[in-house]
C-alpha cells in the first residue's frame, strides 16, 4: 500500500471549501500525524493514539470525494479527542466518542461547508452517530452523488435480482434476496454466501434480464 504524508499546505486539495482552517487547528493542536492512503477495502479511515515518542496518527483514504474525506477525518478526530479526555478505557464507538464526534461535526455543519442534502442527513446523525464513518446508508447514497462518474459501477441495490457483479476484491458474486438491511449474495467460485450492504459499490458483470 502506498502512503504519503500530508503537509498542511497540501491538505486543502482533499477538503471542501471552508474546511481547511478548522481542520488545521485540530491537526496542529493535537500534533496529529496525518497520512493519506490508497483505497482500502475494509475501512475509510483509521486512528491510533499517541504512544511513547509517537504522536496521534490518523489515516484517511485519498480516493474519497472531498465531503466523504472530511467526514471520515472528523470521525477519526472524534476518537482522538475522546482518547485525550477519557483515555483508552472507553468503548471505541461508545457514548464518549459519539459526544465528541457530534460536537466536532456540529462545528463544521455550522460553517455551512456541506451541500444542503448532505447537511440535512448529517443533522440526523448528530444524536447517534454510526460506528463507521459515512456508514449510514442514506448518507452514503447522498455522498455517492458527489463521486466522479464510474462507467459500469453501480450501488448493489440498483442491480436486478440474481445479477452477477464483481466486488473490489476481484471476486464475482450473484445478488440474492434482501435479508433485513443487507443482500445475501453468493460467491460464484465456491458457492459461499455473504451479506453486502445495499449501498456497496460493485461492477456489473451480467445483468439478469
N, C-alpha and C. Protein backbone atom coordinates (compact mmCIF):
# COMPACT_ATOMS: atom_id res chain seq x y z
N UNK A 1 0.85 -1.20 0.00
CA UNK A 1 0.00 0.00 0.00
C UNK A 1 0.88 1.24 0.00
N UNK A 2 0.63 2.11 -0.90
CA UNK A 2 1.39 3.34 -0.95
C UNK A 2 0.76 4.38 -0.04
N UNK A 3 1.58 5.01 0.76
CA UNK A 3 1.11 6.06 1.65
C UNK A 3 1.91 7.32 1.36
N UNK A 4 1.31 8.44 1.70
CA UNK A 4 2.06 9.69 1.58
C UNK A 4 1.67 10.62 2.70
N UNK A 5 2.66 11.34 3.18
CA UNK A 5 2.40 12.32 4.22
C UNK A 5 1.60 13.47 3.64
N UNK A 6 0.88 14.17 4.51
CA UNK A 6 0.03 15.27 4.05
C UNK A 6 0.37 16.55 4.79
N UNK A 7 1.42 17.27 4.36
CA UNK A 7 1.70 18.57 4.94
C UNK A 7 0.46 19.45 4.82
N UNK A 8 0.31 20.36 5.75
CA UNK A 8 -0.91 21.16 5.78
C UNK A 8 -1.15 21.91 4.48
N UNK A 9 -0.08 22.36 3.82
CA UNK A 9 -0.30 23.15 2.60
C UNK A 9 -0.84 22.29 1.46
N UNK A 10 -0.72 20.96 1.57
CA UNK A 10 -1.26 20.06 0.55
C UNK A 10 -2.65 19.54 0.91
N UNK A 11 -3.01 19.63 2.17
CA UNK A 11 -4.26 19.06 2.64
C UNK A 11 -5.47 19.72 2.02
N UNK A 12 -5.37 20.98 1.69
CA UNK A 12 -6.52 21.73 1.18
C UNK A 12 -7.12 21.10 -0.06
N UNK A 13 -6.31 20.40 -0.86
CA UNK A 13 -6.81 19.80 -2.09
C UNK A 13 -7.74 18.62 -1.82
N UNK A 14 -7.74 18.09 -0.60
CA UNK A 14 -8.61 16.97 -0.24
C UNK A 14 -9.89 17.43 0.45
N UNK A 15 -9.98 18.70 0.78
CA UNK A 15 -11.07 19.21 1.61
C UNK A 15 -12.01 20.10 0.83
N UNK A 16 -13.29 20.14 1.25
CA UNK A 16 -14.22 21.09 0.63
C UNK A 16 -13.88 22.52 1.06
N UNK A 17 -14.33 23.46 0.28
CA UNK A 17 -14.05 24.87 0.56
C UNK A 17 -14.58 25.25 1.94
N UNK A 18 -13.75 25.95 2.71
CA UNK A 18 -14.15 26.42 4.02
C UNK A 18 -13.77 25.52 5.18
N UNK A 19 -13.21 24.35 4.89
CA UNK A 19 -12.90 23.39 5.97
C UNK A 19 -11.46 23.47 6.44
N UNK A 20 -10.58 24.01 5.62
CA UNK A 20 -9.14 23.92 5.87
C UNK A 20 -8.73 24.53 7.22
N UNK A 21 -9.22 25.72 7.52
CA UNK A 21 -8.78 26.42 8.72
C UNK A 21 -9.09 25.63 9.99
N UNK A 22 -10.31 25.11 10.10
CA UNK A 22 -10.68 24.38 11.32
C UNK A 22 -10.00 23.02 11.38
N UNK A 23 -9.85 22.35 10.24
CA UNK A 23 -9.12 21.08 10.23
C UNK A 23 -7.68 21.30 10.67
N UNK A 24 -7.05 22.34 10.15
CA UNK A 24 -5.67 22.64 10.51
C UNK A 24 -5.52 22.87 12.01
N UNK A 25 -6.52 23.53 12.58
CA UNK A 25 -6.49 23.79 14.02
C UNK A 25 -6.38 22.48 14.80
N UNK A 26 -7.23 21.53 14.48
CA UNK A 26 -7.22 20.25 15.19
C UNK A 26 -5.90 19.51 14.99
N UNK A 27 -5.42 19.50 13.76
CA UNK A 27 -4.19 18.76 13.48
C UNK A 27 -2.99 19.36 14.21
N UNK A 28 -2.94 20.67 14.27
CA UNK A 28 -1.81 21.32 14.96
C UNK A 28 -1.97 21.28 16.48
N UNK A 29 -3.20 21.48 16.94
CA UNK A 29 -3.46 21.50 18.38
C UNK A 29 -3.09 20.15 19.02
N UNK A 30 -3.39 19.05 18.34
CA UNK A 30 -3.14 17.73 18.90
C UNK A 30 -1.92 17.05 18.28
N UNK A 31 -1.18 17.79 17.46
CA UNK A 31 0.05 17.26 16.85
C UNK A 31 -0.21 15.93 16.14
N UNK A 32 -1.16 15.96 15.21
CA UNK A 32 -1.60 14.75 14.52
C UNK A 32 -0.68 14.43 13.34
N UNK A 33 -0.27 13.18 13.25
CA UNK A 33 0.47 12.68 12.10
C UNK A 33 -0.56 12.12 11.12
N UNK A 34 -0.87 12.89 10.08
CA UNK A 34 -1.91 12.52 9.13
C UNK A 34 -1.30 11.88 7.89
N UNK A 35 -1.86 10.74 7.49
CA UNK A 35 -1.43 10.04 6.28
C UNK A 35 -2.62 9.83 5.36
N UNK A 36 -2.44 10.12 4.09
CA UNK A 36 -3.45 9.83 3.07
C UNK A 36 -3.01 8.56 2.36
N UNK A 37 -3.91 7.57 2.31
CA UNK A 37 -3.57 6.27 1.75
C UNK A 37 -4.34 6.01 0.46
N UNK A 38 -3.92 4.97 -0.24
CA UNK A 38 -4.74 4.47 -1.33
C UNK A 38 -6.01 3.83 -0.77
N UNK A 39 -6.94 3.52 -1.65
CA UNK A 39 -8.20 2.91 -1.23
C UNK A 39 -7.94 1.62 -0.47
N UNK A 40 -8.66 1.46 0.66
CA UNK A 40 -8.62 0.22 1.44
C UNK A 40 -10.01 -0.40 1.43
N UNK A 41 -10.07 -1.71 1.28
CA UNK A 41 -11.36 -2.38 1.15
C UNK A 41 -12.14 -2.40 2.46
N UNK A 42 -11.43 -2.44 3.58
CA UNK A 42 -12.10 -2.67 4.85
C UNK A 42 -12.37 -1.42 5.67
N UNK A 43 -11.78 -0.29 5.30
CA UNK A 43 -12.01 0.92 6.09
C UNK A 43 -11.71 2.17 5.27
N UNK A 44 -12.33 3.26 5.69
CA UNK A 44 -12.13 4.56 5.04
C UNK A 44 -11.08 5.38 5.78
N UNK A 45 -10.97 5.14 7.08
CA UNK A 45 -10.01 5.88 7.88
C UNK A 45 -9.60 5.08 9.10
N UNK A 46 -8.62 5.60 9.83
CA UNK A 46 -8.09 4.87 10.98
C UNK A 46 -7.46 5.85 11.96
N UNK A 47 -7.58 5.54 13.26
CA UNK A 47 -6.93 6.37 14.29
C UNK A 47 -6.13 5.49 15.22
N UNK A 48 -4.91 5.96 15.55
CA UNK A 48 -4.09 5.30 16.56
C UNK A 48 -3.59 6.37 17.53
N UNK A 49 -3.77 6.10 18.83
CA UNK A 49 -3.43 7.11 19.82
C UNK A 49 -1.92 7.27 19.96
N UNK A 50 -1.53 8.40 20.54
CA UNK A 50 -0.12 8.66 20.75
C UNK A 50 0.44 7.64 21.73
N UNK A 51 1.70 7.29 21.53
CA UNK A 51 2.33 6.27 22.36
C UNK A 51 3.83 6.50 22.38
N UNK A 52 4.37 6.60 23.58
CA UNK A 52 5.80 6.86 23.76
C UNK A 52 6.23 8.08 22.96
N UNK A 53 7.06 7.90 21.92
CA UNK A 53 7.55 9.05 21.17
C UNK A 53 6.74 9.30 19.89
N UNK A 54 5.63 8.58 19.72
CA UNK A 54 4.81 8.74 18.52
C UNK A 54 3.60 9.61 18.79
N UNK A 55 3.31 10.52 17.88
CA UNK A 55 2.14 11.38 18.00
C UNK A 55 0.87 10.60 17.65
N UNK A 56 -0.27 11.26 17.86
CA UNK A 56 -1.53 10.71 17.36
C UNK A 56 -1.39 10.49 15.85
N UNK A 57 -1.94 9.38 15.37
CA UNK A 57 -1.85 9.07 13.93
C UNK A 57 -3.24 8.82 13.36
N UNK A 58 -3.52 9.51 12.26
CA UNK A 58 -4.78 9.33 11.55
C UNK A 58 -4.46 9.06 10.09
N UNK A 59 -5.17 8.09 9.51
CA UNK A 59 -5.05 7.85 8.08
C UNK A 59 -6.44 7.93 7.46
N UNK A 60 -6.51 8.46 6.23
CA UNK A 60 -7.77 8.58 5.50
C UNK A 60 -7.52 8.18 4.06
N UNK A 61 -8.45 7.44 3.47
CA UNK A 61 -8.32 7.03 2.08
C UNK A 61 -8.36 8.25 1.16
N UNK A 62 -7.38 8.36 0.29
CA UNK A 62 -7.27 9.52 -0.58
C UNK A 62 -8.18 9.50 -1.78
N UNK A 63 -8.89 8.38 -2.02
CA UNK A 63 -9.78 8.31 -3.19
C UNK A 63 -11.17 8.84 -2.89
N UNK A 64 -11.44 9.25 -1.66
CA UNK A 64 -12.77 9.73 -1.29
C UNK A 64 -13.03 11.12 -1.87
N UNK A 65 -14.30 11.40 -2.17
CA UNK A 65 -14.62 12.77 -2.57
C UNK A 65 -14.42 13.69 -1.37
N UNK A 66 -14.38 14.99 -1.60
CA UNK A 66 -13.98 15.93 -0.55
C UNK A 66 -14.88 15.90 0.68
N UNK A 67 -16.18 15.68 0.46
CA UNK A 67 -17.09 15.66 1.61
C UNK A 67 -16.94 14.36 2.40
N UNK A 68 -16.77 13.24 1.71
CA UNK A 68 -16.53 11.97 2.39
C UNK A 68 -15.20 12.00 3.13
N UNK A 69 -14.18 12.60 2.52
CA UNK A 69 -12.86 12.71 3.15
C UNK A 69 -12.99 13.49 4.46
N UNK A 70 -13.69 14.62 4.42
CA UNK A 70 -13.82 15.44 5.62
C UNK A 70 -14.59 14.70 6.71
N UNK A 71 -15.71 14.06 6.36
CA UNK A 71 -16.50 13.35 7.37
C UNK A 71 -15.68 12.23 7.99
N UNK A 72 -14.92 11.51 7.18
CA UNK A 72 -14.06 10.44 7.70
C UNK A 72 -13.01 11.00 8.64
N UNK A 73 -12.38 12.10 8.26
CA UNK A 73 -11.36 12.72 9.10
C UNK A 73 -11.96 13.19 10.43
N UNK A 74 -13.15 13.77 10.40
CA UNK A 74 -13.79 14.23 11.63
C UNK A 74 -14.16 13.05 12.53
N UNK A 75 -14.57 11.95 11.92
CA UNK A 75 -14.86 10.72 12.66
C UNK A 75 -13.62 10.28 13.46
N UNK A 76 -12.47 10.30 12.80
CA UNK A 76 -11.23 9.88 13.47
C UNK A 76 -10.78 10.91 14.51
N UNK A 77 -11.01 12.18 14.24
CA UNK A 77 -10.69 13.21 15.23
C UNK A 77 -11.55 13.03 16.48
N UNK A 78 -12.78 12.55 16.28
CA UNK A 78 -13.63 12.25 17.43
C UNK A 78 -12.98 11.21 18.34
N UNK A 79 -12.37 10.19 17.74
CA UNK A 79 -11.64 9.19 18.53
C UNK A 79 -10.49 9.84 19.29
N UNK A 80 -9.77 10.71 18.61
CA UNK A 80 -8.62 11.37 19.23
C UNK A 80 -9.04 12.19 20.45
N UNK A 81 -10.05 13.04 20.29
CA UNK A 81 -10.49 13.90 21.39
C UNK A 81 -11.05 13.07 22.53
N UNK A 82 -11.78 12.00 22.21
CA UNK A 82 -12.29 11.12 23.25
C UNK A 82 -11.15 10.47 24.02
N UNK A 83 -10.09 10.07 23.32
CA UNK A 83 -8.92 9.48 23.98
C UNK A 83 -8.25 10.51 24.89
N UNK A 84 -8.10 11.72 24.41
CA UNK A 84 -7.47 12.77 25.22
C UNK A 84 -8.24 13.01 26.52
N UNK A 85 -9.57 12.93 26.45
CA UNK A 85 -10.39 13.24 27.62
C UNK A 85 -10.56 12.05 28.56
N UNK A 86 -10.67 10.83 27.97
CA UNK A 86 -11.07 9.68 28.78
C UNK A 86 -10.07 8.52 28.77
N UNK A 87 -9.00 8.63 27.98
CA UNK A 87 -8.06 7.54 27.90
C UNK A 87 -8.61 6.40 27.05
N UNK A 88 -7.99 5.23 27.18
CA UNK A 88 -8.38 4.10 26.33
C UNK A 88 -9.29 3.11 27.03
N UNK A 89 -9.92 3.53 28.11
CA UNK A 89 -10.80 2.62 28.85
C UNK A 89 -12.28 2.88 28.52
N UNK A 90 -12.55 3.31 27.31
CA UNK A 90 -13.91 3.52 26.86
C UNK A 90 -14.16 2.69 25.61
N UNK A 91 -15.41 2.45 25.31
CA UNK A 91 -15.76 1.73 24.09
C UNK A 91 -15.41 2.58 22.88
N UNK A 92 -14.92 1.92 21.84
CA UNK A 92 -14.45 2.65 20.65
C UNK A 92 -15.51 3.58 20.09
N UNK A 93 -16.76 3.11 20.05
CA UNK A 93 -17.84 3.94 19.50
C UNK A 93 -18.96 4.10 20.52
N UNK A 94 -18.53 4.25 21.77
CA UNK A 94 -19.49 4.42 22.85
C UNK A 94 -19.95 5.86 23.00
N UNK A 95 -20.57 6.14 24.15
CA UNK A 95 -21.19 7.45 24.39
C UNK A 95 -20.18 8.59 24.33
N UNK A 96 -18.97 8.35 24.85
CA UNK A 96 -17.98 9.43 24.88
C UNK A 96 -17.55 9.81 23.46
N UNK A 97 -17.28 8.78 22.64
CA UNK A 97 -16.90 9.08 21.25
C UNK A 97 -18.04 9.76 20.53
N UNK A 98 -19.26 9.28 20.67
CA UNK A 98 -20.41 9.87 20.00
C UNK A 98 -20.56 11.34 20.36
N UNK A 99 -20.33 11.65 21.63
CA UNK A 99 -20.45 13.03 22.08
C UNK A 99 -19.37 13.92 21.45
N UNK A 100 -18.12 13.45 21.45
CA UNK A 100 -17.03 14.26 20.91
C UNK A 100 -17.13 14.41 19.38
N UNK A 101 -17.43 13.32 18.71
CA UNK A 101 -17.60 13.40 17.26
C UNK A 101 -18.78 14.30 16.91
N UNK A 102 -19.86 14.17 17.66
CA UNK A 102 -21.02 15.03 17.42
C UNK A 102 -20.69 16.50 17.58
N UNK A 103 -19.89 16.82 18.60
CA UNK A 103 -19.50 18.21 18.82
C UNK A 103 -18.65 18.75 17.67
N UNK A 104 -17.69 17.92 17.22
CA UNK A 104 -16.82 18.34 16.11
C UNK A 104 -17.64 18.49 14.83
N UNK A 105 -18.50 17.53 14.56
CA UNK A 105 -19.32 17.57 13.36
C UNK A 105 -20.24 18.80 13.36
N UNK A 106 -20.83 19.10 14.52
CA UNK A 106 -21.72 20.26 14.62
C UNK A 106 -20.97 21.55 14.30
N UNK A 107 -19.71 21.62 14.72
CA UNK A 107 -18.90 22.81 14.43
C UNK A 107 -18.76 23.02 12.93
N UNK A 108 -18.52 21.95 12.19
CA UNK A 108 -18.34 22.07 10.75
C UNK A 108 -19.66 22.28 10.02
N UNK A 109 -20.73 21.69 10.54
CA UNK A 109 -22.04 21.93 9.95
C UNK A 109 -22.41 23.40 10.06
N UNK A 110 -22.09 24.00 11.20
CA UNK A 110 -22.43 25.42 11.41
C UNK A 110 -21.69 26.34 10.45
N UNK A 111 -20.59 25.87 9.87
CA UNK A 111 -19.82 26.66 8.92
C UNK A 111 -20.42 26.63 7.52
N UNK A 112 -21.48 25.84 7.33
CA UNK A 112 -22.15 25.71 6.02
C UNK A 112 -21.17 25.22 4.95
N UNK A 113 -20.37 24.24 5.32
CA UNK A 113 -19.38 23.66 4.41
C UNK A 113 -20.03 22.62 3.49
N UNK A 114 -21.04 21.92 4.01
CA UNK A 114 -21.65 20.83 3.26
C UNK A 114 -22.83 21.31 2.43
N UNK A 115 -23.04 20.71 1.26
CA UNK A 115 -24.26 20.99 0.49
C UNK A 115 -25.49 20.68 1.34
N UNK A 116 -26.62 21.26 0.99
CA UNK A 116 -27.82 21.15 1.82
C UNK A 116 -28.29 19.71 2.00
N UNK A 117 -28.15 18.87 0.97
CA UNK A 117 -28.62 17.48 1.11
C UNK A 117 -27.74 16.69 2.08
N UNK A 118 -26.42 16.91 2.02
CA UNK A 118 -25.52 16.24 2.97
C UNK A 118 -25.74 16.79 4.38
N UNK A 119 -25.86 18.11 4.49
CA UNK A 119 -26.07 18.73 5.80
C UNK A 119 -27.33 18.19 6.47
N UNK A 120 -28.40 18.07 5.71
CA UNK A 120 -29.66 17.58 6.27
C UNK A 120 -29.50 16.18 6.83
N UNK A 121 -28.78 15.32 6.12
CA UNK A 121 -28.58 13.95 6.58
C UNK A 121 -27.64 13.90 7.78
N UNK A 122 -26.60 14.74 7.78
CA UNK A 122 -25.66 14.77 8.91
C UNK A 122 -26.35 15.21 10.19
N UNK A 123 -27.29 16.14 10.07
CA UNK A 123 -28.00 16.61 11.26
C UNK A 123 -28.78 15.48 11.93
N UNK A 124 -29.21 14.51 11.13
CA UNK A 124 -29.94 13.36 11.69
C UNK A 124 -29.00 12.45 12.49
N UNK A 125 -27.71 12.49 12.16
CA UNK A 125 -26.76 11.57 12.81
C UNK A 125 -26.14 12.15 14.08
N UNK A 126 -26.36 13.43 14.35
CA UNK A 126 -25.67 14.07 15.47
C UNK A 126 -25.98 13.40 16.80
N UNK A 127 -27.21 12.97 17.02
CA UNK A 127 -27.58 12.39 18.30
C UNK A 127 -27.06 10.97 18.48
N UNK A 128 -26.88 10.26 17.37
CA UNK A 128 -26.44 8.87 17.47
C UNK A 128 -25.60 8.49 16.25
N UNK A 129 -24.37 8.98 16.17
CA UNK A 129 -23.52 8.71 15.01
C UNK A 129 -23.23 7.22 14.83
N UNK A 130 -23.02 6.81 13.58
CA UNK A 130 -22.70 5.42 13.27
C UNK A 130 -21.26 5.09 13.59
N UNK A 131 -20.99 3.80 13.78
CA UNK A 131 -19.65 3.34 14.18
C UNK A 131 -18.64 3.43 13.05
N UNK A 132 -19.11 3.51 11.81
CA UNK A 132 -18.20 3.62 10.68
C UNK A 132 -18.47 4.93 9.96
N UNK A 133 -17.43 5.69 9.68
CA UNK A 133 -17.64 6.97 9.02
C UNK A 133 -18.35 6.77 7.69
N UNK A 134 -19.34 7.62 7.42
CA UNK A 134 -20.13 7.56 6.18
C UNK A 134 -20.90 6.24 6.07
N UNK A 135 -21.12 5.54 7.19
CA UNK A 135 -21.68 4.19 7.11
C UNK A 135 -23.18 4.16 6.92
N UNK A 136 -23.90 5.17 7.43
CA UNK A 136 -25.34 5.14 7.32
C UNK A 136 -25.73 5.14 5.85
N UNK A 137 -26.59 4.19 5.45
CA UNK A 137 -26.95 4.04 4.04
C UNK A 137 -27.52 5.31 3.43
N UNK A 138 -28.45 6.03 4.09
CA UNK A 138 -28.97 7.26 3.47
C UNK A 138 -27.88 8.30 3.22
N UNK A 139 -26.95 8.45 4.17
CA UNK A 139 -25.85 9.40 3.99
C UNK A 139 -24.94 8.95 2.85
N UNK A 140 -24.65 7.66 2.80
CA UNK A 140 -23.75 7.15 1.77
C UNK A 140 -24.35 7.35 0.37
N UNK A 141 -25.66 7.13 0.24
CA UNK A 141 -26.32 7.34 -1.05
C UNK A 141 -26.13 8.78 -1.52
N UNK A 142 -26.27 9.72 -0.59
CA UNK A 142 -26.13 11.13 -0.95
C UNK A 142 -24.68 11.45 -1.29
N UNK A 143 -23.74 10.94 -0.50
CA UNK A 143 -22.33 11.23 -0.75
C UNK A 143 -21.88 10.67 -2.09
N UNK A 144 -22.46 9.54 -2.52
CA UNK A 144 -22.09 8.95 -3.80
C UNK A 144 -22.40 9.88 -4.96
N UNK A 145 -23.35 10.77 -4.78
CA UNK A 145 -23.71 11.72 -5.84
C UNK A 145 -22.55 12.66 -6.16
N UNK A 146 -21.64 12.81 -5.23
CA UNK A 146 -20.53 13.73 -5.39
C UNK A 146 -19.24 13.02 -5.82
N UNK A 147 -19.34 11.72 -6.07
CA UNK A 147 -18.20 10.96 -6.61
C UNK A 147 -18.11 11.17 -8.12
N UNK A 148 -16.91 11.10 -8.69
CA UNK A 148 -16.79 11.10 -10.16
C UNK A 148 -17.53 9.92 -10.75
N UNK A 149 -18.09 10.10 -11.94
CA UNK A 149 -18.82 9.02 -12.59
C UNK A 149 -17.88 7.87 -12.93
N UNK A 150 -18.30 6.65 -12.61
CA UNK A 150 -17.51 5.46 -12.88
C UNK A 150 -18.32 4.54 -13.79
N UNK A 151 -18.01 4.48 -15.08
CA UNK A 151 -18.77 3.64 -16.01
C UNK A 151 -18.81 2.19 -15.56
N UNK A 152 -19.99 1.59 -15.57
CA UNK A 152 -20.13 0.19 -15.22
C UNK A 152 -20.20 -0.09 -13.73
N UNK A 153 -20.10 0.96 -12.90
CA UNK A 153 -20.13 0.79 -11.45
C UNK A 153 -21.48 1.26 -10.91
N UNK A 154 -22.09 0.44 -10.05
CA UNK A 154 -23.41 0.73 -9.50
C UNK A 154 -23.41 0.46 -8.01
N UNK A 155 -24.44 0.96 -7.33
CA UNK A 155 -24.73 0.50 -5.98
C UNK A 155 -25.44 -0.84 -6.11
N UNK A 156 -25.15 -1.75 -5.20
CA UNK A 156 -25.70 -3.09 -5.29
C UNK A 156 -27.23 -3.06 -5.37
N UNK A 157 -27.85 -2.17 -4.64
CA UNK A 157 -29.31 -2.10 -4.62
C UNK A 157 -29.90 -1.70 -5.98
N UNK A 158 -29.07 -1.15 -6.86
CA UNK A 158 -29.55 -0.75 -8.18
C UNK A 158 -29.62 -1.91 -9.18
N UNK A 159 -28.96 -3.02 -8.86
CA UNK A 159 -28.91 -4.15 -9.78
C UNK A 159 -30.13 -5.05 -9.64
N UNK A 160 -30.61 -5.63 -10.73
CA UNK A 160 -31.72 -6.59 -10.64
C UNK A 160 -31.32 -7.84 -9.85
N UNK A 161 -32.32 -8.53 -9.34
CA UNK A 161 -32.11 -9.78 -8.61
C UNK A 161 -31.35 -10.79 -9.47
N UNK A 162 -30.38 -11.47 -8.88
CA UNK A 162 -29.56 -12.51 -9.49
C UNK A 162 -28.58 -11.98 -10.55
N UNK A 163 -28.35 -10.68 -10.60
CA UNK A 163 -27.29 -10.15 -11.45
C UNK A 163 -25.94 -10.60 -10.92
N UNK A 164 -24.97 -10.73 -11.81
CA UNK A 164 -23.61 -11.03 -11.40
C UNK A 164 -22.83 -9.73 -11.29
N UNK A 165 -22.03 -9.61 -10.23
CA UNK A 165 -21.25 -8.39 -10.03
C UNK A 165 -19.87 -8.74 -9.49
N UNK A 166 -18.93 -7.85 -9.77
CA UNK A 166 -17.57 -8.00 -9.26
C UNK A 166 -17.36 -7.02 -8.13
N UNK A 167 -16.92 -7.53 -6.98
CA UNK A 167 -16.61 -6.69 -5.84
C UNK A 167 -15.18 -6.19 -5.96
N UNK A 168 -14.78 -5.29 -5.07
CA UNK A 168 -13.44 -4.69 -5.13
C UNK A 168 -12.32 -5.69 -4.86
N UNK A 169 -12.67 -6.83 -4.29
CA UNK A 169 -11.65 -7.87 -4.07
C UNK A 169 -11.39 -8.70 -5.32
N UNK A 170 -12.11 -8.39 -6.43
CA UNK A 170 -11.92 -9.09 -7.68
C UNK A 170 -12.80 -10.31 -7.88
N UNK A 171 -13.50 -10.74 -6.82
CA UNK A 171 -14.35 -11.91 -6.90
C UNK A 171 -15.73 -11.56 -7.47
N UNK A 172 -16.38 -12.55 -8.08
CA UNK A 172 -17.68 -12.34 -8.70
C UNK A 172 -18.76 -13.01 -7.84
N UNK A 173 -19.85 -12.29 -7.64
CA UNK A 173 -20.95 -12.76 -6.80
C UNK A 173 -22.27 -12.65 -7.57
N UNK A 174 -23.26 -13.42 -7.10
CA UNK A 174 -24.61 -13.31 -7.61
C UNK A 174 -25.48 -12.65 -6.55
N UNK A 175 -26.20 -11.60 -6.94
CA UNK A 175 -27.05 -10.89 -6.00
C UNK A 175 -28.26 -11.75 -5.63
N UNK A 176 -28.48 -11.92 -4.33
CA UNK A 176 -29.61 -12.70 -3.85
C UNK A 176 -30.67 -11.85 -3.18
N UNK A 177 -31.43 -12.48 -2.32
CA UNK A 177 -32.54 -11.80 -1.66
C UNK A 177 -32.06 -10.86 -0.56
N UNK A 178 -32.88 -9.90 -0.27
CA UNK A 178 -32.57 -8.97 0.82
C UNK A 178 -32.89 -9.62 2.15
N UNK A 179 -31.95 -9.54 3.07
CA UNK A 179 -32.12 -10.05 4.42
C UNK A 179 -32.09 -8.86 5.38
N UNK A 180 -33.25 -8.36 5.72
CA UNK A 180 -33.38 -7.15 6.55
C UNK A 180 -32.66 -5.97 5.89
N UNK A 181 -31.47 -5.62 6.36
CA UNK A 181 -30.80 -4.42 5.83
C UNK A 181 -29.72 -4.73 4.81
N UNK A 182 -29.48 -6.01 4.49
CA UNK A 182 -28.41 -6.38 3.58
C UNK A 182 -28.88 -7.41 2.56
N UNK A 183 -28.08 -7.54 1.49
CA UNK A 183 -28.38 -8.54 0.47
C UNK A 183 -27.50 -9.77 0.68
N UNK A 184 -28.12 -10.95 0.59
CA UNK A 184 -27.39 -12.20 0.68
C UNK A 184 -26.91 -12.57 -0.72
N UNK A 185 -25.58 -12.62 -0.91
CA UNK A 185 -25.00 -12.83 -2.23
C UNK A 185 -24.09 -14.06 -2.21
N UNK A 186 -24.01 -14.72 -3.35
CA UNK A 186 -23.24 -15.96 -3.44
C UNK A 186 -21.96 -15.77 -4.24
N UNK A 187 -20.85 -16.20 -3.64
CA UNK A 187 -19.56 -16.21 -4.33
C UNK A 187 -19.63 -17.29 -5.40
N UNK A 188 -19.51 -16.89 -6.67
CA UNK A 188 -19.64 -17.83 -7.78
C UNK A 188 -18.57 -18.92 -7.75
N UNK A 189 -17.39 -18.60 -7.23
CA UNK A 189 -16.27 -19.55 -7.27
C UNK A 189 -16.41 -20.71 -6.30
N UNK A 190 -17.05 -20.46 -5.14
CA UNK A 190 -17.12 -21.52 -4.12
C UNK A 190 -18.51 -21.70 -3.51
N UNK A 191 -19.50 -20.94 -4.01
CA UNK A 191 -20.90 -21.04 -3.56
C UNK A 191 -21.14 -20.55 -2.13
N UNK A 192 -20.14 -19.95 -1.51
CA UNK A 192 -20.33 -19.43 -0.16
C UNK A 192 -21.19 -18.17 -0.21
N UNK A 193 -21.91 -17.93 0.89
CA UNK A 193 -22.84 -16.81 0.96
C UNK A 193 -22.28 -15.69 1.83
N UNK A 194 -22.51 -14.47 1.39
CA UNK A 194 -22.02 -13.30 2.11
C UNK A 194 -23.10 -12.22 2.11
N UNK A 195 -23.10 -11.41 3.16
CA UNK A 195 -24.04 -10.29 3.26
C UNK A 195 -23.34 -9.02 2.81
N UNK A 196 -24.02 -8.25 1.94
CA UNK A 196 -23.50 -6.99 1.43
C UNK A 196 -24.47 -5.85 1.74
N UNK A 197 -23.92 -4.72 2.09
CA UNK A 197 -24.74 -3.52 2.25
C UNK A 197 -25.36 -3.15 0.91
N UNK A 198 -26.59 -2.65 0.90
CA UNK A 198 -27.22 -2.25 -0.37
C UNK A 198 -26.51 -1.12 -1.08
N UNK A 199 -25.69 -0.36 -0.35
CA UNK A 199 -25.00 0.77 -0.97
C UNK A 199 -23.53 0.46 -1.25
N UNK A 200 -23.21 -0.84 -1.33
CA UNK A 200 -21.87 -1.26 -1.73
C UNK A 200 -21.66 -0.96 -3.21
N UNK A 201 -20.53 -0.38 -3.56
CA UNK A 201 -20.20 -0.14 -4.96
C UNK A 201 -19.71 -1.43 -5.59
N UNK A 202 -20.31 -1.81 -6.73
CA UNK A 202 -19.92 -3.03 -7.42
C UNK A 202 -19.86 -2.77 -8.92
N UNK A 203 -19.15 -3.64 -9.61
CA UNK A 203 -19.04 -3.56 -11.07
C UNK A 203 -19.96 -4.61 -11.68
N UNK A 204 -20.87 -4.20 -12.52
CA UNK A 204 -21.81 -5.12 -13.16
C UNK A 204 -21.08 -6.03 -14.14
N UNK A 205 -21.27 -7.34 -13.99
CA UNK A 205 -20.69 -8.32 -14.91
C UNK A 205 -21.76 -8.82 -15.88
N UNK A 206 -22.93 -9.20 -15.34
CA UNK A 206 -24.01 -9.68 -16.19
C UNK A 206 -25.33 -9.35 -15.52
N UNK A 207 -26.18 -8.63 -16.23
CA UNK A 207 -27.48 -8.25 -15.69
C UNK A 207 -28.49 -9.38 -15.91
N UNK A 208 -29.27 -9.65 -14.89
CA UNK A 208 -30.35 -10.63 -15.03
C UNK A 208 -31.57 -9.94 -15.59
N UNK A 209 -31.88 -10.20 -16.86
CA UNK A 209 -32.99 -9.52 -17.53
C UNK A 209 -34.32 -10.18 -17.16
